[in-house]
mmCIF file of all heavy atoms, coordinates in Angstrom:
data_MODEL
# 
_entry.id   MODEL 
# 
loop_
_atom_site.group_PDB 
_atom_site.id 
_atom_site.type_symbol 
_atom_site.label_atom_id 
_atom_site.label_alt_id 
_atom_site.label_comp_id 
_atom_site.label_asym_id 
_atom_site.label_entity_id 
_atom_site.label_seq_id 
_atom_site.pdbx_PDB_ins_code 
_atom_site.Cartn_x 
_atom_site.Cartn_y 
_atom_site.Cartn_z 
_atom_site.occupancy 
_atom_site.B_iso_or_equiv 
_atom_site.pdbx_formal_charge 
_atom_site.auth_seq_id 
_atom_site.auth_comp_id 
_atom_site.auth_asym_id 
_atom_site.auth_atom_id 
_atom_site.pdbx_PDB_model_num 
ATOM 1   N N   . ILE A 1 1  ? -4.840  5.324   4.032   1.00 0.00 ? 1  ILE A N   1 
ATOM 2   C CA  . ILE A 1 1  ? -3.713  5.923   4.754   1.00 0.00 ? 1  ILE A CA  1 
ATOM 3   C C   . ILE A 1 1  ? -3.117  4.926   5.740   1.00 0.00 ? 1  ILE A C   1 
ATOM 4   O O   . ILE A 1 1  ? -1.895  4.793   5.847   1.00 0.00 ? 1  ILE A O   1 
ATOM 5   C CB  . ILE A 1 1  ? -4.150  7.224   5.465   1.00 0.00 ? 1  ILE A CB  1 
ATOM 6   C CG1 . ILE A 1 1  ? -4.602  8.283   4.456   1.00 0.00 ? 1  ILE A CG1 1 
ATOM 7   C CG2 . ILE A 1 1  ? -3.032  7.752   6.371   1.00 0.00 ? 1  ILE A CG2 1 
ATOM 8   C CD1 . ILE A 1 1  ? -3.555  8.717   3.457   1.00 0.00 ? 1  ILE A CD1 1 
ATOM 9   N N   . LEU A 1 2  ? -3.977  4.207   6.467   1.00 0.00 ? 2  LEU A N   1 
ATOM 10  C CA  . LEU A 1 2  ? -3.475  3.207   7.411   1.00 0.00 ? 2  LEU A CA  1 
ATOM 11  C C   . LEU A 1 2  ? -2.704  2.104   6.694   1.00 0.00 ? 2  LEU A C   1 
ATOM 12  O O   . LEU A 1 2  ? -1.634  1.680   7.163   1.00 0.00 ? 2  LEU A O   1 
ATOM 13  C CB  . LEU A 1 2  ? -4.630  2.611   8.216   1.00 0.00 ? 2  LEU A CB  1 
ATOM 14  C CG  . LEU A 1 2  ? -5.193  3.484   9.325   1.00 0.00 ? 2  LEU A CG  1 
ATOM 15  C CD1 . LEU A 1 2  ? -6.427  2.827   9.933   1.00 0.00 ? 2  LEU A CD1 1 
ATOM 16  C CD2 . LEU A 1 2  ? -4.144  3.744   10.391  1.00 0.00 ? 2  LEU A CD2 1 
ATOM 17  N N   . ALA A 1 3  ? -3.240  1.613   5.582   1.00 0.00 ? 3  ALA A N   1 
ATOM 18  C CA  . ALA A 1 3  ? -2.546  0.562   4.829   1.00 0.00 ? 3  ALA A CA  1 
ATOM 19  C C   . ALA A 1 3  ? -1.176  1.048   4.375   1.00 0.00 ? 3  ALA A C   1 
ATOM 20  O O   . ALA A 1 3  ? -0.174  0.328   4.515   1.00 0.00 ? 3  ALA A O   1 
ATOM 21  C CB  . ALA A 1 3  ? -3.390  0.127   3.629   1.00 0.00 ? 3  ALA A CB  1 
ATOM 22  N N   . LYS A 1 4  ? -1.099  2.251   3.848   1.00 0.00 ? 4  LYS A N   1 
ATOM 23  C CA  . LYS A 1 4  ? 0.180   2.784   3.375   1.00 0.00 ? 4  LYS A CA  1 
ATOM 24  C C   . LYS A 1 4  ? 1.163   2.958   4.529   1.00 0.00 ? 4  LYS A C   1 
ATOM 25  O O   . LYS A 1 4  ? 2.358   2.670   4.391   1.00 0.00 ? 4  LYS A O   1 
ATOM 26  C CB  . LYS A 1 4  ? -0.039  4.117   2.652   1.00 0.00 ? 4  LYS A CB  1 
ATOM 27  C CG  . LYS A 1 4  ? -0.680  3.935   1.292   1.00 0.00 ? 4  LYS A CG  1 
ATOM 28  C CD  . LYS A 1 4  ? -0.812  5.244   0.565   1.00 0.00 ? 4  LYS A CD  1 
ATOM 29  C CE  . LYS A 1 4  ? -1.316  4.992   -0.851  1.00 0.00 ? 4  LYS A CE  1 
ATOM 30  N NZ  . LYS A 1 4  ? -1.031  6.084   -1.744  1.00 0.00 ? 4  LYS A NZ  1 
ATOM 31  N N   . THR A 1 5  ? 0.665   3.406   5.676   1.00 0.00 ? 5  THR A N   1 
ATOM 32  C CA  . THR A 1 5  ? 1.518   3.605   6.848   1.00 0.00 ? 5  THR A CA  1 
ATOM 33  C C   . THR A 1 5  ? 2.068   2.276   7.353   1.00 0.00 ? 5  THR A C   1 
ATOM 34  O O   . THR A 1 5  ? 3.268   2.144   7.632   1.00 0.00 ? 5  THR A O   1 
ATOM 35  C CB  . THR A 1 5  ? 0.729   4.317   7.965   1.00 0.00 ? 5  THR A CB  1 
ATOM 36  O OG1 . THR A 1 5  ? 0.282   5.583   7.481   1.00 0.00 ? 5  THR A OG1 1 
ATOM 37  C CG2 . THR A 1 5  ? 1.584   4.525   9.204   1.00 0.00 ? 5  THR A CG2 1 
ATOM 38  N N   . ILE A 1 6  ? 1.215   1.276   7.446   1.00 0.00 ? 6  ILE A N   1 
ATOM 39  C CA  . ILE A 1 6  ? 1.641   -0.036  7.941   1.00 0.00 ? 6  ILE A CA  1 
ATOM 40  C C   . ILE A 1 6  ? 2.608   -0.698  6.963   1.00 0.00 ? 6  ILE A C   1 
ATOM 41  O O   . ILE A 1 6  ? 3.598   -1.310  7.379   1.00 0.00 ? 6  ILE A O   1 
ATOM 42  C CB  . ILE A 1 6  ? 0.418   -0.925  8.222   1.00 0.00 ? 6  ILE A CB  1 
ATOM 43  C CG1 . ILE A 1 6  ? -0.329  -0.352  9.428   1.00 0.00 ? 6  ILE A CG1 1 
ATOM 44  C CG2 . ILE A 1 6  ? 0.824   -2.368  8.465   1.00 0.00 ? 6  ILE A CG2 1 
ATOM 45  C CD1 . ILE A 1 6  ? -1.706  -0.917  9.635   1.00 0.00 ? 6  ILE A CD1 1 
ATOM 46  N N   . ILE A 1 7  ? 2.363   -0.562  5.670   1.00 0.00 ? 7  ILE A N   1 
ATOM 47  C CA  . ILE A 1 7  ? 3.276   -1.129  4.669   1.00 0.00 ? 7  ILE A CA  1 
ATOM 48  C C   . ILE A 1 7  ? 4.651   -0.474  4.783   1.00 0.00 ? 7  ILE A C   1 
ATOM 49  O O   . ILE A 1 7  ? 5.678   -1.146  4.734   1.00 0.00 ? 7  ILE A O   1 
ATOM 50  C CB  . ILE A 1 7  ? 2.700   -0.977  3.247   1.00 0.00 ? 7  ILE A CB  1 
ATOM 51  C CG1 . ILE A 1 7  ? 1.512   -1.930  3.078   1.00 0.00 ? 7  ILE A CG1 1 
ATOM 52  C CG2 . ILE A 1 7  ? 3.761   -1.220  2.185   1.00 0.00 ? 7  ILE A CG2 1 
ATOM 53  C CD1 . ILE A 1 7  ? 0.689   -1.677  1.838   1.00 0.00 ? 7  ILE A CD1 1 
ATOM 54  N N   . LYS A 1 8  ? 4.666   0.834   4.973   1.00 0.00 ? 8  LYS A N   1 
ATOM 55  C CA  . LYS A 1 8  ? 5.957   1.529   5.108   1.00 0.00 ? 8  LYS A CA  1 
ATOM 56  C C   . LYS A 1 8  ? 6.696   1.053   6.354   1.00 0.00 ? 8  LYS A C   1 
ATOM 57  O O   . LYS A 1 8  ? 7.887   0.760   6.314   1.00 0.00 ? 8  LYS A O   1 
ATOM 58  C CB  . LYS A 1 8  ? 5.760   3.037   5.149   1.00 0.00 ? 8  LYS A CB  1 
ATOM 59  C CG  . LYS A 1 8  ? 7.077   3.776   5.252   1.00 0.00 ? 8  LYS A CG  1 
ATOM 60  C CD  . LYS A 1 8  ? 6.937   5.245   5.087   1.00 0.00 ? 8  LYS A CD  1 
ATOM 61  C CE  . LYS A 1 8  ? 8.328   5.855   5.140   1.00 0.00 ? 8  LYS A CE  1 
ATOM 62  N NZ  . LYS A 1 8  ? 8.366   7.221   4.729   1.00 0.00 ? 8  LYS A NZ  1 
ATOM 63  N N   . ARG A 1 9  ? 5.979   0.958   7.462   1.00 0.00 ? 9  ARG A N   1 
ATOM 64  C CA  . ARG A 1 9  ? 6.619   0.545   8.719   1.00 0.00 ? 9  ARG A CA  1 
ATOM 65  C C   . ARG A 1 9  ? 7.053   -0.920  8.688   1.00 0.00 ? 9  ARG A C   1 
ATOM 66  O O   . ARG A 1 9  ? 8.093   -1.268  9.236   1.00 0.00 ? 9  ARG A O   1 
ATOM 67  C CB  . ARG A 1 9  ? 5.672   0.773   9.890   1.00 0.00 ? 9  ARG A CB  1 
ATOM 68  C CG  . ARG A 1 9  ? 5.503   2.225   10.222  1.00 0.00 ? 9  ARG A CG  1 
ATOM 69  C CD  . ARG A 1 9  ? 4.627   2.422   11.422  1.00 0.00 ? 9  ARG A CD  1 
ATOM 70  N NE  . ARG A 1 9  ? 4.450   3.844   11.679  1.00 0.00 ? 9  ARG A NE  1 
ATOM 71  C CZ  . ARG A 1 9  ? 3.651   4.322   12.598  1.00 0.00 ? 9  ARG A CZ  1 
ATOM 72  N NH1 . ARG A 1 9  ? 2.938   3.504   13.357  1.00 0.00 ? 9  ARG A NH1 1 
ATOM 73  N NH2 . ARG A 1 9  ? 3.540   5.616   12.770  1.00 0.00 ? 9  ARG A NH2 1 
ATOM 74  N N   . THR A 1 10 ? 6.258   -1.768  8.071   1.00 0.00 ? 10 THR A N   1 
ATOM 75  C CA  . THR A 1 10 ? 6.543   -3.201  8.069   1.00 0.00 ? 10 THR A CA  1 
ATOM 76  C C   . THR A 1 10 ? 7.585   -3.592  7.032   1.00 0.00 ? 10 THR A C   1 
ATOM 77  O O   . THR A 1 10 ? 8.493   -4.372  7.319   1.00 0.00 ? 10 THR A O   1 
ATOM 78  C CB  . THR A 1 10 ? 5.246   -4.006  7.811   1.00 0.00 ? 10 THR A CB  1 
ATOM 79  O OG1 . THR A 1 10 ? 4.275   -3.647  8.803   1.00 0.00 ? 10 THR A OG1 1 
ATOM 80  C CG2 . THR A 1 10 ? 5.495   -5.489  7.867   1.00 0.00 ? 10 THR A CG2 1 
ATOM 81  N N   . PHE A 1 11 ? 7.452   -3.050  5.808   1.00 0.00 ? 11 PHE A N   1 
ATOM 82  C CA  . PHE A 1 11 ? 8.320   -3.466  4.709   1.00 0.00 ? 11 PHE A CA  1 
ATOM 83  C C   . PHE A 1 11 ? 9.325   -2.401  4.272   1.00 0.00 ? 11 PHE A C   1 
ATOM 84  O O   . PHE A 1 11 ? 10.150  -2.665  3.407   1.00 0.00 ? 11 PHE A O   1 
ATOM 85  C CB  . PHE A 1 11 ? 7.458   -3.856  3.498   1.00 0.00 ? 11 PHE A CB  1 
ATOM 86  C CG  . PHE A 1 11 ? 6.543   -5.008  3.762   1.00 0.00 ? 11 PHE A CG  1 
ATOM 87  C CD1 . PHE A 1 11 ? 5.199   -4.798  4.010   1.00 0.00 ? 11 PHE A CD1 1 
ATOM 88  C CD2 . PHE A 1 11 ? 7.020   -6.315  3.768   1.00 0.00 ? 11 PHE A CD2 1 
ATOM 89  C CE1 . PHE A 1 11 ? 4.337   -5.859  4.255   1.00 0.00 ? 11 PHE A CE1 1 
ATOM 90  C CE2 . PHE A 1 11 ? 6.173   -7.375  4.016   1.00 0.00 ? 11 PHE A CE2 1 
ATOM 91  C CZ  . PHE A 1 11 ? 4.824   -7.148  4.269   1.00 0.00 ? 11 PHE A CZ  1 
ATOM 92  N N   . GLY A 1 12 ? 9.231   -1.193  4.816   1.00 0.00 ? 12 GLY A N   1 
ATOM 93  C CA  . GLY A 1 12 ? 10.143  -0.119  4.440   1.00 0.00 ? 12 GLY A CA  1 
ATOM 94  C C   . GLY A 1 12 ? 9.895   0.431   3.050   1.00 0.00 ? 12 GLY A C   1 
ATOM 95  O O   . GLY A 1 12 ? 10.770  1.039   2.454   1.00 0.00 ? 12 GLY A O   1 
ATOM 96  N N   . ILE A 1 13 ? 8.677   0.231   2.529   1.00 0.00 ? 13 ILE A N   1 
ATOM 97  C CA  . ILE A 1 13 ? 8.333   0.689   1.182   1.00 0.00 ? 13 ILE A CA  1 
ATOM 98  C C   . ILE A 1 13 ? 7.616   2.032   1.290   1.00 0.00 ? 13 ILE A C   1 
ATOM 99  O O   . ILE A 1 13 ? 6.600   2.143   1.972   1.00 0.00 ? 13 ILE A O   1 
ATOM 100 C CB  . ILE A 1 13 ? 7.415   -0.330  0.474   1.00 0.00 ? 13 ILE A CB  1 
ATOM 101 C CG1 . ILE A 1 13 ? 8.132   -1.664  0.333   1.00 0.00 ? 13 ILE A CG1 1 
ATOM 102 C CG2 . ILE A 1 13 ? 6.962   0.204   -0.880  1.00 0.00 ? 13 ILE A CG2 1 
ATOM 103 C CD1 . ILE A 1 13 ? 7.219   -2.792  -0.109  1.00 0.00 ? 13 ILE A CD1 1 
ATOM 104 N N   . ASP A 1 14 ? 8.139   3.044   0.614   1.00 0.00 ? 14 ASP A N   1 
ATOM 105 C CA  . ASP A 1 14 ? 7.489   4.350   0.623   1.00 0.00 ? 14 ASP A CA  1 
ATOM 106 C C   . ASP A 1 14 ? 6.313   4.328   -0.347  1.00 0.00 ? 14 ASP A C   1 
ATOM 107 O O   . ASP A 1 14 ? 6.496   4.312   -1.556  1.00 0.00 ? 14 ASP A O   1 
ATOM 108 C CB  . ASP A 1 14 ? 8.478   5.447   0.238   1.00 0.00 ? 14 ASP A CB  1 
ATOM 109 C CG  . ASP A 1 14 ? 7.873   6.833   0.363   1.00 0.00 ? 14 ASP A CG  1 
ATOM 110 O OD1 . ASP A 1 14 ? 6.751   6.959   0.903   1.00 0.00 ? 14 ASP A OD1 1 
ATOM 111 O OD2 . ASP A 1 14 ? 8.523   7.794   -0.068  1.00 0.00 ? 14 ASP A OD2 1 
ATOM 112 N N   . THR A 1 15 ? 5.121   4.305   0.189   1.00 0.00 ? 15 THR A N   1 
ATOM 113 C CA  . THR A 1 15 ? 3.912   4.225   -0.627  1.00 0.00 ? 15 THR A CA  1 
ATOM 114 C C   . THR A 1 15 ? 3.201   5.569   -0.724  1.00 0.00 ? 15 THR A C   1 
ATOM 115 O O   . THR A 1 15 ? 2.080   5.640   -1.209  1.00 0.00 ? 15 THR A O   1 
ATOM 116 C CB  . THR A 1 15 ? 2.930   3.194   -0.042  1.00 0.00 ? 15 THR A CB  1 
ATOM 117 O OG1 . THR A 1 15 ? 2.613   3.587   1.290   1.00 0.00 ? 15 THR A OG1 1 
ATOM 118 C CG2 . THR A 1 15 ? 3.520   1.811   -0.054  1.00 0.00 ? 15 THR A CG2 1 
ATOM 119 N N   . LYS A 1 16 ? 3.861   6.618   -0.298  1.00 0.00 ? 16 LYS A N   1 
ATOM 120 C CA  . LYS A 1 16 ? 3.238   7.945   -0.232  1.00 0.00 ? 16 LYS A CA  1 
ATOM 121 C C   . LYS A 1 16 ? 2.523   8.329   -1.525  1.00 0.00 ? 16 LYS A C   1 
ATOM 122 O O   . LYS A 1 16 ? 1.364   8.695   -1.515  1.00 0.00 ? 16 LYS A O   1 
ATOM 123 C CB  . LYS A 1 16 ? 4.298   8.984   0.126   1.00 0.00 ? 16 LYS A CB  1 
ATOM 124 C CG  . LYS A 1 16 ? 3.766   10.379  0.288   1.00 0.00 ? 16 LYS A CG  1 
ATOM 125 C CD  . LYS A 1 16 ? 4.891   11.304  0.728   1.00 0.00 ? 16 LYS A CD  1 
ATOM 126 C CE  . LYS A 1 16 ? 4.457   12.729  0.792   1.00 0.00 ? 16 LYS A CE  1 
ATOM 127 N NZ  . LYS A 1 16 ? 5.541   13.608  1.178   1.00 0.00 ? 16 LYS A NZ  1 
ATOM 128 N N   . MET A 1 17 ? 3.183   8.226   -2.641  1.00 0.00 ? 17 MET A N   1 
ATOM 129 C CA  . MET A 1 17 ? 2.570   8.633   -3.903  1.00 0.00 ? 17 MET A CA  1 
ATOM 130 C C   . MET A 1 17 ? 2.279   7.443   -4.811  1.00 0.00 ? 17 MET A C   1 
ATOM 131 O O   . MET A 1 17 ? 1.990   7.605   -5.977  1.00 0.00 ? 17 MET A O   1 
ATOM 132 C CB  . MET A 1 17 ? 3.483   9.645   -4.621  1.00 0.00 ? 17 MET A CB  1 
ATOM 133 C CG  . MET A 1 17 ? 3.710   10.928  -3.850  1.00 0.00 ? 17 MET A CG  1 
ATOM 134 S SD  . MET A 1 17 ? 2.204   11.707  -3.214  1.00 0.00 ? 17 MET A SD  1 
ATOM 135 C CE  . MET A 1 17 ? 1.434   12.273  -4.692  1.00 0.00 ? 17 MET A CE  1 
ATOM 136 N N   . GLN A 1 18 ? 2.352   6.250   -4.270  1.00 0.00 ? 18 GLN A N   1 
ATOM 137 C CA  . GLN A 1 18 ? 2.111   5.052   -5.062  1.00 0.00 ? 18 GLN A CA  1 
ATOM 138 C C   . GLN A 1 18 ? 0.638   4.652   -4.976  1.00 0.00 ? 18 GLN A C   1 
ATOM 139 O O   . GLN A 1 18 ? 0.055   4.663   -3.906  1.00 0.00 ? 18 GLN A O   1 
ATOM 140 C CB  . GLN A 1 18 ? 2.967   3.921   -4.495  1.00 0.00 ? 18 GLN A CB  1 
ATOM 141 C CG  . GLN A 1 18 ? 3.711   3.185   -5.539  1.00 0.00 ? 18 GLN A CG  1 
ATOM 142 C CD  . GLN A 1 18 ? 4.569   2.133   -4.902  1.00 0.00 ? 18 GLN A CD  1 
ATOM 143 O OE1 . GLN A 1 18 ? 4.084   1.065   -4.587  1.00 0.00 ? 18 GLN A OE1 1 
ATOM 144 N NE2 . GLN A 1 18 ? 5.840   2.451   -4.720  1.00 0.00 ? 18 GLN A NE2 1 
ATOM 145 N N   . GLU A 1 19 ? 0.067   4.306   -6.097  1.00 0.00 ? 19 GLU A N   1 
ATOM 146 C CA  . GLU A 1 19 ? -1.326  3.856   -6.098  1.00 0.00 ? 19 GLU A CA  1 
ATOM 147 C C   . GLU A 1 19 ? -1.361  2.351   -5.981  1.00 0.00 ? 19 GLU A C   1 
ATOM 148 O O   . GLU A 1 19 ? -0.526  1.647   -6.540  1.00 0.00 ? 19 GLU A O   1 
ATOM 149 C CB  . GLU A 1 19 ? -2.029  4.295   -7.388  1.00 0.00 ? 19 GLU A CB  1 
ATOM 150 C CG  . GLU A 1 19 ? -2.312  5.779   -7.419  1.00 0.00 ? 19 GLU A CG  1 
ATOM 151 C CD  . GLU A 1 19 ? -3.353  6.143   -8.469  1.00 0.00 ? 19 GLU A CD  1 
ATOM 152 O OE1 . GLU A 1 19 ? -4.394  5.470   -8.527  1.00 0.00 ? 19 GLU A OE1 1 
ATOM 153 O OE2 . GLU A 1 19 ? -3.101  7.100   -9.205  1.00 0.00 ? 19 GLU A OE2 1 
ATOM 154 N N   . PHE A 1 20 ? -2.352  1.863   -5.276  1.00 0.00 ? 20 PHE A N   1 
ATOM 155 C CA  . PHE A 1 20 ? -2.583  0.429   -5.217  1.00 0.00 ? 20 PHE A CA  1 
ATOM 156 C C   . PHE A 1 20 ? -3.256  0.018   -6.516  1.00 0.00 ? 20 PHE A C   1 
ATOM 157 O O   . PHE A 1 20 ? -4.052  0.747   -7.080  1.00 0.00 ? 20 PHE A O   1 
ATOM 158 C CB  . PHE A 1 20 ? -3.499  0.057   -4.051  1.00 0.00 ? 20 PHE A CB  1 
ATOM 159 C CG  . PHE A 1 20 ? -2.921  0.333   -2.688  1.00 0.00 ? 20 PHE A CG  1 
ATOM 160 C CD1 . PHE A 1 20 ? -3.714  0.817   -1.681  1.00 0.00 ? 20 PHE A CD1 1 
ATOM 161 C CD2 . PHE A 1 20 ? -1.593  0.077   -2.412  1.00 0.00 ? 20 PHE A CD2 1 
ATOM 162 C CE1 . PHE A 1 20 ? -3.205  1.064   -0.420  1.00 0.00 ? 20 PHE A CE1 1 
ATOM 163 C CE2 . PHE A 1 20 ? -1.056  0.314   -1.155  1.00 0.00 ? 20 PHE A CE2 1 
ATOM 164 C CZ  . PHE A 1 20 ? -1.873  0.815   -0.158  1.00 0.00 ? 20 PHE A CZ  1 
ATOM 165 N N   . ALA A 1 21 ? -2.931  -1.162  -6.987  1.00 0.00 ? 21 ALA A N   1 
ATOM 166 C CA  . ALA A 1 21 ? -3.665  -1.755  -8.101  1.00 0.00 ? 21 ALA A CA  1 
ATOM 167 C C   . ALA A 1 21 ? -4.648  -2.734  -7.459  1.00 0.00 ? 21 ALA A C   1 
ATOM 168 O O   . ALA A 1 21 ? -4.534  -3.050  -6.275  1.00 0.00 ? 21 ALA A O   1 
ATOM 169 C CB  . ALA A 1 21 ? -2.703  -2.474  -9.033  1.00 0.00 ? 21 ALA A CB  1 
ATOM 170 N N   . TYR A 1 22 ? -5.622  -3.201  -8.235  1.00 0.00 ? 22 TYR A N   1 
ATOM 171 C CA  . TYR A 1 22 ? -6.636  -4.090  -7.679  1.00 0.00 ? 22 TYR A CA  1 
ATOM 172 C C   . TYR A 1 22 ? -6.798  -5.316  -8.566  1.00 0.00 ? 22 TYR A C   1 
ATOM 173 O O   . TYR A 1 22 ? -6.856  -5.203  -9.791  1.00 0.00 ? 22 TYR A O   1 
ATOM 174 C CB  . TYR A 1 22 ? -7.970  -3.353  -7.538  1.00 0.00 ? 22 TYR A CB  1 
ATOM 175 C CG  . TYR A 1 22 ? -7.871  -2.245  -6.510  1.00 0.00 ? 22 TYR A CG  1 
ATOM 176 C CD1 . TYR A 1 22 ? -7.444  -0.966  -6.870  1.00 0.00 ? 22 TYR A CD1 1 
ATOM 177 C CD2 . TYR A 1 22 ? -8.148  -2.494  -5.177  1.00 0.00 ? 22 TYR A CD2 1 
ATOM 178 C CE1 . TYR A 1 22 ? -7.310  0.037   -5.923  1.00 0.00 ? 22 TYR A CE1 1 
ATOM 179 C CE2 . TYR A 1 22 ? -8.023  -1.492  -4.220  1.00 0.00 ? 22 TYR A CE2 1 
ATOM 180 C CZ  . TYR A 1 22 ? -7.604  -0.236  -4.604  1.00 0.00 ? 22 TYR A CZ  1 
ATOM 181 O OH  . TYR A 1 22 ? -7.463  0.753   -3.653  1.00 0.00 ? 22 TYR A OH  1 
ATOM 182 N N   . SER A 1 23 ? -6.878  -6.481  -7.923  1.00 0.00 ? 23 SER A N   1 
ATOM 183 C CA  . SER A 1 23 ? -7.075  -7.733  -8.652  1.00 0.00 ? 23 SER A CA  1 
ATOM 184 C C   . SER A 1 23 ? -8.498  -7.782  -9.200  1.00 0.00 ? 23 SER A C   1 
ATOM 185 O O   . SER A 1 23 ? -9.317  -6.923  -8.890  1.00 0.00 ? 23 SER A O   1 
ATOM 186 C CB  . SER A 1 23 ? -6.840  -8.927  -7.726  1.00 0.00 ? 23 SER A CB  1 
ATOM 187 O OG  . SER A 1 23 ? -7.916  -9.034  -6.801  1.00 0.00 ? 23 SER A OG  1 
ATOM 188 N N   . GLU A 1 24 ? -8.795  -8.806  -9.978  1.00 0.00 ? 24 GLU A N   1 
ATOM 189 C CA  . GLU A 1 24 ? -10.143 -8.939  -10.547 1.00 0.00 ? 24 GLU A CA  1 
ATOM 190 C C   . GLU A 1 24 ? -11.203 -9.090  -9.460  1.00 0.00 ? 24 GLU A C   1 
ATOM 191 O O   . GLU A 1 24 ? -12.371 -8.814  -9.690  1.00 0.00 ? 24 GLU A O   1 
ATOM 192 C CB  . GLU A 1 24 ? -10.202 -10.115 -11.508 1.00 0.00 ? 24 GLU A CB  1 
ATOM 193 C CG  . GLU A 1 24 ? -9.920  -11.452 -10.859 1.00 0.00 ? 24 GLU A CG  1 
ATOM 194 C CD  . GLU A 1 24 ? -9.899  -12.589 -11.860 1.00 0.00 ? 24 GLU A CD  1 
ATOM 195 O OE1 . GLU A 1 24 ? -9.077  -12.528 -12.791 1.00 0.00 ? 24 GLU A OE1 1 
ATOM 196 O OE2 . GLU A 1 24 ? -10.706 -13.514 -11.695 1.00 0.00 ? 24 GLU A OE2 1 
ATOM 197 N N   . HIS A 1 25 ? -10.784 -9.488  -8.256  1.00 0.00 ? 25 HIS A N   1 
ATOM 198 C CA  . HIS A 1 25 ? -11.726 -9.637  -7.141  1.00 0.00 ? 25 HIS A CA  1 
ATOM 199 C C   . HIS A 1 25 ? -11.700 -8.423  -6.213  1.00 0.00 ? 25 HIS A C   1 
ATOM 200 O O   . HIS A 1 25 ? -12.305 -8.450  -5.144  1.00 0.00 ? 25 HIS A O   1 
ATOM 201 C CB  . HIS A 1 25 ? -11.426 -10.904 -6.357  1.00 0.00 ? 25 HIS A CB  1 
ATOM 202 C CG  . HIS A 1 25 ? -11.554 -12.139 -7.190  1.00 0.00 ? 25 HIS A CG  1 
ATOM 203 N ND1 . HIS A 1 25 ? -12.762 -12.591 -7.678  1.00 0.00 ? 25 HIS A ND1 1 
ATOM 204 C CD2 . HIS A 1 25 ? -10.620 -12.998 -7.653  1.00 0.00 ? 25 HIS A CD2 1 
ATOM 205 C CE1 . HIS A 1 25 ? -12.567 -13.680 -8.386  1.00 0.00 ? 25 HIS A CE1 1 
ATOM 206 N NE2 . HIS A 1 25 ? -11.269 -13.942 -8.407  1.00 0.00 ? 25 HIS A NE2 1 
ATOM 207 N N   . GLY A 1 26 ? -10.978 -7.378  -6.601  1.00 0.00 ? 26 GLY A N   1 
ATOM 208 C CA  . GLY A 1 26 ? -10.947 -6.147  -5.830  1.00 0.00 ? 26 GLY A CA  1 
ATOM 209 C C   . GLY A 1 26 ? -9.915  -6.093  -4.725  1.00 0.00 ? 26 GLY A C   1 
ATOM 210 O O   . GLY A 1 26 ? -9.885  -5.135  -3.959  1.00 0.00 ? 26 GLY A O   1 
ATOM 211 N N   . LYS A 1 27 ? -9.037  -7.092  -4.629  1.00 0.00 ? 27 LYS A N   1 
ATOM 212 C CA  . LYS A 1 27 ? -8.017  -7.083  -3.586  1.00 0.00 ? 27 LYS A CA  1 
ATOM 213 C C   . LYS A 1 27 ? -6.869  -6.155  -3.994  1.00 0.00 ? 27 LYS A C   1 
ATOM 214 O O   . LYS A 1 27 ? -6.322  -6.275  -5.079  1.00 0.00 ? 27 LYS A O   1 
ATOM 215 C CB  . LYS A 1 27 ? -7.488  -8.495  -3.353  1.00 0.00 ? 27 LYS A CB  1 
ATOM 216 C CG  . LYS A 1 27 ? -6.520  -8.553  -2.195  1.00 0.00 ? 27 LYS A CG  1 
ATOM 217 C CD  . LYS A 1 27 ? -6.156  -9.969  -1.839  1.00 0.00 ? 27 LYS A CD  1 
ATOM 218 C CE  . LYS A 1 27 ? -5.173  -9.925  -0.680  1.00 0.00 ? 27 LYS A CE  1 
ATOM 219 N NZ  . LYS A 1 27 ? -4.873  -11.241 -0.172  1.00 0.00 ? 27 LYS A NZ  1 
# 
């Protein structure tokens, strides 16, 4: 929730219903 909130505030991207994907190293 914090990551999504900060991304929205910093980049203006609505991440409310967006899922994060993960790299092969889990990032």
